[in-house]
Amino acid sequence: METHVPTLKTVQDLEQAIQRYRKSDWSSNTVFALWEAIRNAALAQTPVEQGDDRVPGEDSY
């Protein structure tokens, strides 16, 4: 049985999903759907740096 993965659009949605995830029944499929939604929202909020794979502060070594 496949569980619907919610789409989290706001920071408040993300925070609520994290709270639900922490309180979830770990034996249910819902916990994986929440994890996936949290992961997707976090990746969507992370800025992508194109072509810059340097380590911050590496020029100070």
Protein backbone atom coordinates (compact mmCIF):
# COMPACT_ATOMS: atom_id res chain seq x y z
CA MET A 1 0.00 0.00 0.00
CA GLU A 2 1.40 3.36 -1.05
CA THR A 3 1.07 6.37 1.24
CA HIS A 4 0.51 9.89 -0.12
CA VAL A 5 3.57 12.12 0.30
CA PRO A 6 2.40 15.61 1.25
CA THR A 7 3.83 18.70 -0.44
CA LEU A 8 5.18 21.15 2.11
CA LYS A 9 5.07 24.71 0.78
CA THR A 10 5.86 26.88 3.80
CA VAL A 11 8.28 26.80 6.70
CA GLN A 12 5.28 26.32 9.00
CA ASP A 13 4.22 23.25 6.99
CA LEU A 14 7.74 21.89 7.35
CA GLU A 15 7.83 22.49 11.10
CA GLN A 16 4.44 20.81 11.56
CA ALA A 17 5.58 17.83 9.50
CA ILE A 18 8.71 17.50 11.63
CA GLN A 19 6.60 17.51 14.80
CA ARG A 20 4.24 14.87 13.34
CA TYR A 21 7.25 12.80 12.24
CA ARG A 22 8.73 12.83 15.74
CA LYS A 23 5.42 11.72 17.24
CA SER A 24 4.64 9.11 14.55
CA ASP A 25 4.11 5.41 15.03
CA TRP A 26 7.37 4.03 13.63
CA SER A 27 5.65 0.86 12.42
CA SER A 28 3.35 2.71 10.00
CA ASN A 29 3.87 3.75 6.40
CA THR A 30 3.03 7.32 7.35
CA VAL A 31 6.42 7.88 8.95
CA PHE A 32 8.20 7.24 5.64
CA ALA A 33 5.85 9.56 3.76
CA LEU A 34 6.53 12.32 6.30
CA TRP A 35 10.27 11.71 6.07
CA GLU A 36 10.13 11.95 2.29
CA ALA A 37 8.07 15.17 2.41
CA ILE A 38 10.51 16.72 4.91
CA ARG A 39 13.47 15.69 2.75
CA ASN A 40 11.88 17.08 -0.42
CA ALA A 41 11.03 20.39 1.28
CA ALA A 42 14.53 20.71 2.73
CA LEU A 43 16.13 20.04 -0.66
CA ALA A 44 13.83 22.59 -2.30
CA GLN A 45 14.91 25.24 0.22
CA THR A 46 18.63 24.57 -0.21
CA PRO A 47 20.22 26.96 -2.70
CA VAL A 48 22.06 25.16 -5.49
CA GLU A 49 25.50 26.50 -6.28
CA GLN A 50 26.36 25.77 -9.89
CA GLY A 51 29.94 24.72 -10.52
CA ASP A 52 31.32 25.84 -7.17
CA ASP A 53 32.45 22.80 -5.22
CA ARG A 54 35.04 24.54 -3.09
CA VAL A 55 35.24 24.01 0.64
CA PRO A 56 34.35 27.19 2.57
CA GLY A 57 37.49 28.67 4.10
CA GLU A 58 39.87 26.49 2.06
CA ASP A 59 41.81 29.58 1.00
CA SER A 60 42.80 30.17 4.64
CA TYR A 61 44.92 27.00 4.78
